[in-house]
Amino acid sequence: MNAPLDLDQLQTFTAIADLGSFTRAADKVNKTQSAVSMQMRRLEERVSKALFERDGRTNRLTEDGERLLAYARRMLQLNNETIAAFDDTQLQGHIRIGTPDDYADRFLPEIMARFSRSNPRVELSVVCEPTVNLDEMIRKGQLDLALVTQCDEHRRSEVVRSEQLLWVTSAHHNVHEELVLPLAVGRPTCIWRAAAIEALNSKHHDYRILFTSWSATVLAAAVLAGLAVSILPECALRPGMRVLTEADGFGRLPEFGIGIMRGHTKPSAIVDALAQHIVESLDNLSMPTPVTISQASAPILANQRLRQVRATELVPGW
């Protein structure tokens, strides 16, 4: 009978796949780099396949490594679910979280996956609303926790990440070159809209508001269709968008914080657990390195931590 695979080795293997580095993976699994290297040598011997190949400073998975990764994730998830099923100390109940849809696409999959795997007995309800609405819902006790944009000194939130606001246009159209710039922006109370208008006015750049919506999906659709320019955080960039900079005649936009607001309607243990998963998810968030137009047909490199996108770059899908 074949000996079973070592779950500890598989956990280290998935950490390397996620982080693209033996060094960062060693920090995540609390092992020395030499111990991690030894584990991976033993895992490769066990499956009789090479799992990694070097690409500069990054470790990429081979085709066999990609195959093993899918199995490894399923095995680790089943292991966690099995342990949780027999853990009488597991949190249980219901928690309500709110987030703007700008963040929902990018952040929620990781947050929900982490939290649900660790707390399978907790039901999670998600509401997507603008930050101003989430602020009010927290105060009224309608939410237990919210992920919000922190730009208002009167809004009390625990800032867990900073993002750069960016001008974005379609990579396949030249709408940003129109004399009167068409804009797709949030409603009049949106602070990102105010920042964009202030930047345009400072450069005496004529503009008109063509689309107004709370929905990042609607704004992104207007941009990708080549109908308007918009402002989005780096986390909300999508395939087919191009970042505009001062070289294109667009002033630099401010950074802003992404923060956690807590309600007072649920046991703190559940709220604290979800908040911790949010912090860990945003800290470990990665995306493929953006590629230039000339590189669009090249293979996407292994995941790296988010960095500021350069002008003229296209952002591959996540």
Protein backbone atom coordinates (compact mmCIF):
# COMPACT_ATOMS: atom_id res chain seq x y z
CA MET A 1 0.00 0.00 0.00
CA ASN A 2 1.27 3.47 -0.85
CA ALA A 3 2.04 5.68 2.15
CA PRO A 4 -0.32 8.70 2.49
CA LEU A 5 0.88 12.17 1.60
CA ASP A 6 2.08 14.35 4.47
CA LEU A 7 -0.44 17.13 5.17
CA ASP A 8 2.28 19.31 6.69
CA GLN A 9 4.25 19.09 3.46
CA LEU A 10 1.11 19.92 1.46
CA GLN A 11 0.43 22.96 3.64
CA THR A 12 3.95 24.24 2.99
CA PHE A 13 3.55 23.45 -0.71
CA THR A 14 0.36 25.53 -1.01
CA ALA A 15 2.02 28.41 0.87
CA ILE A 16 4.85 28.46 -1.68
CA ALA A 17 2.33 28.34 -4.54
CA ASP A 18 0.38 31.26 -3.06
CA LEU A 19 3.37 33.44 -2.19
CA GLY A 20 5.78 32.50 -5.00
CA SER A 21 8.72 32.25 -2.62
CA PHE A 22 10.25 29.65 -0.31
CA THR A 23 11.35 32.46 2.01
CA ARG A 24 7.90 34.02 2.42
CA ALA A 25 6.31 30.59 2.72
CA ALA A 26 8.76 29.70 5.50
CA ASP A 27 7.60 32.75 7.44
CA LYS A 28 3.95 31.83 6.93
CA VAL A 29 4.31 28.22 8.13
CA ASN A 30 6.80 29.11 10.88
CA LYS A 31 9.67 27.01 9.55
CA THR A 32 13.22 27.74 8.50
CA GLN A 33 13.91 28.03 4.78
CA SER A 34 16.10 24.94 4.90
CA ALA A 35 13.26 22.97 6.53
CA VAL A 36 10.88 24.14 3.80
CA SER A 37 13.36 23.11 1.08
CA MET A 38 13.76 19.69 2.68
CA GLN A 39 9.99 19.23 2.86
CA MET A 40 9.62 20.03 -0.83
CA ARG A 41 12.44 17.66 -1.81
CA ARG A 42 10.69 14.89 0.09
CA LEU A 43 7.34 15.77 -1.47
CA GLU A 44 8.87 15.68 -4.98
CA GLU A 45 10.44 12.30 -4.15
CA ARG A 46 7.10 11.05 -2.87
CA VAL A 47 5.21 11.92 -6.09
CA SER A 48 8.25 11.28 -8.32
CA LYS A 49 7.71 14.59 -10.13
CA ALA A 50 9.41 17.99 -10.24
CA LEU A 51 6.97 20.49 -8.69
CA PHE A 52 8.85 23.79 -9.08
CA GLU A 53 10.93 25.67 -11.62
CA ARG A 54 12.82 28.90 -11.15
CA ASP A 55 11.76 32.09 -12.93
CA GLY A 56 14.18 34.78 -11.82
CA ARG A 57 13.62 35.19 -8.09
CA THR A 58 10.22 33.55 -8.23
CA ASN A 59 9.35 29.87 -7.86
CA ARG A 60 6.77 28.80 -10.41
CA LEU A 61 4.82 25.57 -10.34
CA THR A 62 5.44 23.05 -13.08
CA GLU A 63 2.49 21.45 -14.84
CA ASP A 64 2.69 18.59 -12.36
CA GLY A 65 2.88 21.11 -9.52
CA GLU A 66 -0.34 22.73 -10.71
CA ARG A 67 -2.03 19.33 -10.76
CA LEU A 68 -0.88 18.56 -7.24
CA LEU A 69 -1.96 21.99 -5.99
CA ALA A 70 -5.62 21.29 -6.73
CA TYR A 71 -5.47 18.01 -4.81
CA ALA A 72 -3.50 19.58 -1.96
CA ARG A 73 -6.09 22.31 -1.42
CA ARG A 74 -8.92 19.77 -1.33
CA MET A 75 -7.06 17.54 1.11
CA LEU A 76 -6.23 20.42 3.45
CA GLN A 77 -9.78 21.74 3.32
CA LEU A 78 -11.21 18.31 4.13
CA ASN A 79 -8.74 17.99 7.00
CA ASN A 80 -9.85 21.33 8.43
CA GLU A 81 -13.52 20.46 8.03
CA THR A 82 -13.00 17.13 9.78
CA ILE A 83 -11.27 18.73 12.75
CA ALA A 84 -13.93 21.45 12.95
CA ALA A 85 -16.73 18.87 12.96
CA PHE A 86 -15.41 17.41 16.23
CA ASP A 87 -14.39 20.70 17.86
CA ASP A 88 -16.95 21.65 20.51
CA THR A 89 -15.24 25.03 21.00
CA GLN A 90 -16.00 26.15 17.43
CA LEU A 91 -17.74 29.49 17.09
CA GLN A 92 -21.31 29.30 15.87
CA GLY A 93 -24.04 31.76 15.06
CA HIS A 94 -24.73 34.40 12.44
CA ILE A 95 -22.74 37.50 11.49
CA ARG A 96 -23.55 40.33 9.08
CA ILE A 97 -20.77 42.03 7.13
CA GLY A 98 -21.03 44.97 4.74
CA THR A 99 -18.63 46.16 2.04
CA PRO A 100 -18.70 48.44 -1.02
CA ASP A 101 -18.86 46.43 -4.22
CA ASP A 102 -15.50 47.97 -5.21
CA TYR A 103 -13.97 45.66 -2.62
CA ALA A 104 -16.38 42.75 -2.89
CA ASP A 105 -14.98 41.34 -6.15
CA ARG A 106 -11.37 41.60 -5.04
CA PHE A 107 -11.41 40.94 -1.30
CA LEU A 108 -14.48 38.88 -0.40
CA PRO A 109 -13.52 35.55 -2.04
CA GLU A 110 -10.38 35.26 0.09
CA ILE A 111 -12.04 36.57 3.25
CA MET A 112 -15.07 34.28 2.96
CA ALA A 113 -12.98 31.23 2.12
CA ARG A 114 -10.65 31.74 5.08
CA PHE A 115 -13.44 32.45 7.54
CA SER A 116 -15.76 29.64 6.41
CA ARG A 117 -13.01 27.03 6.51
CA SER A 118 -12.10 28.01 10.06
CA ASN A 119 -15.66 28.63 11.30
CA PRO A 120 -18.00 26.27 9.41
CA ARG A 121 -20.79 26.72 11.98
CA VAL A 122 -21.05 30.48 11.49
CA GLU A 123 -23.54 31.76 8.91
CA LEU A 124 -22.24 34.78 7.01
CA SER A 125 -24.57 37.40 5.51
CA VAL A 126 -23.03 39.94 3.12
CA VAL A 127 -24.40 43.36 2.16
CA CYS A 128 -22.88 45.51 -0.61
CA GLU A 129 -23.46 49.22 -0.09
CA PRO A 130 -21.45 52.46 -0.35
CA THR A 131 -19.36 53.37 2.68
CA VAL A 132 -21.71 56.16 3.78
CA ASN A 133 -24.59 53.66 3.93
CA LEU A 134 -22.49 51.07 5.76
CA ASP A 135 -21.47 53.68 8.34
CA GLU A 136 -25.14 54.37 9.05
CA MET A 137 -26.02 50.66 9.15
CA ILE A 138 -23.29 50.03 11.72
CA ARG A 139 -24.61 52.87 13.90
CA LYS A 140 -28.17 51.53 13.63
CA GLY A 141 -27.10 48.00 14.60
CA GLN A 142 -27.97 46.55 11.18
CA LEU A 143 -24.43 45.24 10.61
CA ASP A 144 -21.91 43.53 12.87
CA LEU A 145 -18.84 44.51 10.87
CA ALA A 146 -18.09 46.59 7.77
CA LEU A 147 -15.14 47.02 5.44
CA VAL A 148 -15.16 50.72 4.55
CA THR A 149 -13.23 53.49 2.85
CA GLN A 150 -11.53 55.63 5.49
CA CYS A 151 -11.28 59.20 4.24
CA ASP A 152 -13.40 60.96 6.83
CA GLU A 153 -11.67 61.89 10.10
CA HIS A 154 -15.05 61.57 11.84
CA ARG A 155 -15.47 57.95 10.72
CA ARG A 156 -13.93 55.64 13.27
CA SER A 157 -12.44 52.56 11.67
CA GLU A 158 -9.37 50.41 12.11
CA VAL A 159 -7.32 51.04 8.96
CA VAL A 160 -5.87 47.76 7.71
CA ARG A 161 -4.72 48.65 4.19
CA SER A 162 -3.84 51.67 2.04
CA GLU A 163 -4.71 51.96 -1.64
CA GLN A 164 -3.80 54.43 -4.36
CA LEU A 165 -6.62 55.98 -6.38
CA LEU A 166 -5.93 55.79 -10.10
CA TRP A 167 -7.27 57.34 -13.28
CA VAL A 168 -8.37 54.53 -15.61
CA THR A 169 -9.40 54.37 -19.23
CA SER A 170 -9.96 51.64 -21.78
CA ALA A 171 -6.81 50.05 -23.16
CA HIS A 172 -8.49 49.86 -26.57
CA HIS A 173 -9.98 53.36 -26.91
CA ASN A 174 -8.80 56.97 -26.73
CA VAL A 175 -11.68 58.54 -24.83
CA HIS A 176 -9.19 60.16 -22.42
CA GLU A 177 -7.95 62.35 -25.29
CA GLU A 178 -11.32 64.08 -25.83
CA LEU A 179 -11.25 67.85 -25.22
CA VAL A 180 -14.18 67.61 -22.83
CA LEU A 181 -13.41 64.56 -20.73
CA PRO A 182 -16.40 62.21 -20.19
CA LEU A 183 -16.41 60.82 -16.64
CA ALA A 184 -17.99 57.80 -14.98
CA VAL A 185 -18.09 58.49 -11.24
CA GLY A 186 -19.95 57.87 -8.02
CA ARG A 187 -22.81 59.98 -6.73
CA PRO A 188 -22.25 63.59 -5.60
CA THR A 189 -21.41 62.52 -2.03
CA CYS A 190 -18.60 60.20 -3.26
CA ILE A 191 -15.21 61.34 -1.99
CA TRP A 192 -13.41 59.75 -4.93
CA ARG A 193 -15.57 61.82 -7.29
CA ALA A 194 -14.67 64.96 -5.34
CA ALA A 195 -10.96 64.11 -5.55
CA ALA A 196 -11.19 63.58 -9.31
CA ILE A 197 -13.02 66.86 -9.93
CA GLU A 198 -10.54 68.75 -7.75
CA ALA A 199 -7.62 67.28 -9.71
CA LEU A 200 -9.24 68.19 -13.05
CA ASN A 201 -10.08 71.73 -11.92
CA SER A 202 -6.50 72.27 -10.75
CA LYS A 203 -5.34 71.58 -14.31
CA HIS A 204 -8.23 73.53 -15.90
CA HIS A 205 -9.26 70.31 -17.66
CA ASP A 206 -12.80 70.47 -19.04
CA TYR A 207 -15.02 67.52 -18.17
CA ARG A 208 -18.63 66.36 -18.10
CA ILE A 209 -20.28 63.75 -15.92
CA LEU A 210 -21.55 61.10 -18.32
CA PHE A 211 -22.34 58.23 -15.93
CA THR A 212 -23.17 58.31 -12.22
CA SER A 213 -23.51 55.18 -10.10
CA TRP A 214 -22.65 53.69 -6.70
CA SER A 215 -21.79 50.46 -8.51
CA ALA A 216 -18.17 49.79 -9.41
CA THR A 217 -19.43 47.27 -11.97
CA VAL A 218 -21.35 50.00 -13.82
CA LEU A 219 -18.38 52.38 -13.76
CA ALA A 220 -16.04 49.66 -14.96
CA ALA A 221 -18.43 48.81 -17.79
CA ALA A 222 -18.40 52.44 -18.97
CA VAL A 223 -14.60 52.46 -18.93
CA LEU A 224 -14.18 49.13 -20.72
CA ALA A 225 -16.66 50.19 -23.40
CA GLY A 226 -14.51 53.23 -24.11
CA LEU A 227 -17.28 55.63 -23.10
CA ALA A 228 -15.67 57.40 -20.16
CA VAL A 229 -12.70 57.74 -17.83
CA SER A 230 -13.11 56.85 -14.16
CA ILE A 231 -11.21 56.71 -10.90
CA LEU A 232 -10.73 53.39 -9.17
CA PRO A 233 -8.52 51.97 -6.45
CA GLU A 234 -5.76 49.66 -7.59
CA CYS A 235 -7.62 46.67 -6.16
CA ALA A 236 -10.55 47.33 -8.54
CA LEU A 237 -8.54 47.37 -11.80
CA ARG A 238 -9.80 44.94 -14.40
CA PRO A 239 -8.49 43.35 -17.59
CA GLY A 240 -8.68 45.81 -20.47
CA MET A 241 -8.06 48.93 -18.36
CA ARG A 242 -5.11 51.29 -18.66
CA VAL A 243 -3.80 53.55 -15.92
CA LEU A 244 -3.43 57.26 -16.78
CA THR A 245 -0.72 59.40 -15.16
CA GLU A 246 0.69 62.91 -15.32
CA ALA A 247 2.38 61.97 -18.59
CA ASP A 248 -1.16 61.67 -20.01
CA GLY A 249 -2.18 65.00 -18.47
CA PHE A 250 -3.88 63.60 -15.36
CA GLY A 251 -2.87 64.75 -11.89
CA ARG A 252 -1.97 62.34 -9.12
CA LEU A 253 -4.90 61.27 -6.97
CA PRO A 254 -4.71 60.71 -3.19
CA GLU A 255 -4.28 57.48 -1.30
CA PHE A 256 -7.01 56.31 1.03
CA GLY A 257 -7.38 53.77 3.80
CA ILE A 258 -9.48 50.62 3.89
CA GLY A 259 -10.76 50.15 7.41
CA ILE A 260 -12.87 47.87 9.59
CA MET A 261 -15.86 49.22 11.51
CA ARG A 262 -17.36 47.06 14.27
CA GLY A 263 -20.92 47.00 15.49
CA HIS A 264 -22.02 46.20 19.02
CA THR A 265 -24.73 43.62 18.40
CA LYS A 266 -22.83 40.32 18.31
CA PRO A 267 -20.53 38.46 20.72
CA SER A 268 -17.09 39.96 20.29
CA ALA A 269 -15.49 36.53 19.67
CA ILE A 270 -17.28 36.11 16.32
CA VAL A 271 -16.63 39.70 15.23
CA ASP A 272 -13.00 39.46 16.32
CA ALA A 273 -12.55 36.22 14.39
CA LEU A 274 -13.94 37.71 11.16
CA ALA A 275 -11.93 40.91 11.63
CA GLN A 276 -8.75 38.86 12.04
CA HIS A 277 -9.47 36.93 8.85
CA ILE A 278 -9.98 40.23 7.01
CA VAL A 279 -6.65 41.58 8.25
CA GLU A 280 -4.83 38.37 7.28
CA SER A 281 -6.53 38.20 3.88
CA LEU A 282 -5.67 41.78 2.96
CA ASP A 283 -2.13 41.38 4.24
CA ASN A 284 -1.58 38.26 2.10
CA LEU A 285 -3.43 39.58 -0.93
CA SER A 286 -1.60 39.02 -4.17
CA MET A 287 -2.23 39.52 -7.85
CA PRO A 288 -0.34 38.58 -11.01
CA THR A 289 2.27 41.11 -12.10
CA PRO A 290 0.72 43.52 -14.65
CA VAL A 291 2.03 43.09 -18.19
CA THR A 292 2.60 45.57 -20.99
CA ILE A 293 0.78 45.34 -24.28
CA SER A 294 3.81 43.76 -25.93
CA GLN A 295 3.90 41.13 -23.19
CA ALA A 296 0.18 40.33 -23.31
CA SER A 297 0.74 36.99 -25.00
CA ALA A 298 3.49 35.90 -22.58
CA PRO A 299 2.76 33.51 -19.69
CA ILE A 300 1.63 35.21 -16.47
CA LEU A 301 4.25 34.98 -13.73
CA ALA A 302 3.63 33.52 -10.31
CA ASN A 303 1.70 35.62 -7.81
CA GLN A 304 3.45 38.58 -6.25
CA ARG A 305 2.29 41.15 -3.72
CA LEU A 306 0.30 44.06 -5.08
CA ARG A 307 2.36 46.97 -6.33
CA GLN A 308 1.50 50.26 -7.94
CA VAL A 309 0.68 49.76 -11.60
CA ARG A 310 2.74 51.63 -14.15
CA ALA A 311 1.24 53.72 -16.94
CA THR A 312 0.46 51.89 -20.20
CA GLU A 313 0.21 48.57 -18.40
CA LEU A 314 -2.66 46.16 -18.89
CA VAL A 315 -3.87 44.34 -15.85
CA PRO A 316 -4.44 40.59 -16.31
CA GLY A 317 -7.40 38.92 -14.68
CA TRP A 318 -7.26 37.73 -11.11
